[in-house]
Amino acid sequence: MNFRKISIVIAIIILVGAVFASRFISSQKEIKAPPPPQKIIRTVRSEIIKNKTIQAPITLTGKLVAPDKVEIFAEVPGILQNTSARFKEGNVFGQGAVLIQIDSEEARLTLQSQKSNLQNILTQMMPDLKLDYPEDFQLWQNYLDVFSVNKSLAAFPEPSSAKAKYFLISKNIYNQYYSIKSQETRLRKHNITAPFQGVVTQSSINPGTLVRVGQKLGEFINNSSFELEAAVSLKDLNFLSVGDLVELSSEDIAGQWQGTVRRISKSIDPQTQSVKLYIQVNDSRLREGMFMNANIKANQIENAYGIARDLLLGESQVYVIEQQRLKKQTVQVVRFAGSQVIIKGLKEGTRIASESSQEFYEGLEIKTN
């Protein structure tokens, strides 16, 4: 009896298991296999090459210097005198105005003494001149009539003959003449005048103090004419020439100025491989030593195209698109212009990638828009 019950229970368990197994197998048949992965093709921005003539400006930065700048040194000794306009930093003087006046009373009196001595010698020789060289007498008489120790010494009359000349030489008057002219020149050095209109940028002496020979008294510059000194690369040098117009601007002063390329150095800085360029600009608002930006309208570049700098691969390659795939192509880099690079060597109508990515590689299949 017990055996029969056990057999029935086992049969029921087997039957129920078979039912559940059948349902599980059926449910597994209804699950569909996953579809194969689809191929993803990236869309890349592109542009078509249209070669043209490009006016690519050259941007430089430099510092203003004053080409008309003089350091003033004393050539004669004396006490510095007061003047109506003090020789102090910031004071402006017109051309020919007295910058510095050094006491010249002693030198003036010494010069007058030498002239008086010459006048005495000329007066003493007149009787001999009248007897031996009457043709020269009247010339020297006229000279003595206007002679003044307070005026600049006039040139001597020309002798009428070699004998008259030797006579005058024997009187030692020519030696005294040149000595006096030298003293007149030295006397004028007590007044230092402005060689051009400008401003004092350095002053190292005050009125009433003793000035020594060779002492530096200060500096004086033309405050309306400057040169911007900038460095230009050898690659850009071929596009520049003397006379090119330049647009100048400053980050500290509002406004724009127009300058002109005046000089281009012939020497090269071996470390930077650059050349000094000098741009003239005139404006009294400018100051020596200030930095300015220069935008030079350089020579035109024929049959070229401009692209963004980040599209350049290495030094001279770009990605072109052929049959919807990326391909590296070598180009000629003409020059860099701000955020762009000017290139040559691509045929008209060539399509290039106009975006860059580290995921790009040669042969990558893409779509363009």
Foldseek 3Di string as FASTA:
>chain_A
DVVVVVVVVVVVVVVVVVVVVVVVVVVVVVDDDDDDDDDDFAAFAKDFDDFFKDFFWDKWKFFKDFPFKDWDFAADKAFKADDPFALDFPDWDAFFAFHTAGDQVVLLVVLLVLLVVLLVLLVVCLVVCCVPPVVCNVQSVVLSVPRDSVDDRDDHDDDPDPVVVVVVVVSVSVVSNVVSNVSVVSSVSSTDGHNHIWGWRFADDDGGDIHDRGHTGGMTGHLFKIKTKTWDAPLCVVQDDWFFKKWKDAPVDDDIWIWTWHDWDPDADVVRNITITIIMTGDNVDDGGGMMMIITRTHMDGRKDKAFPVQADDPFWGWWADPQWTAIDGWAFRQDRVRITITHDDDGGTMGGRDDDPPHDGGRGHHYD
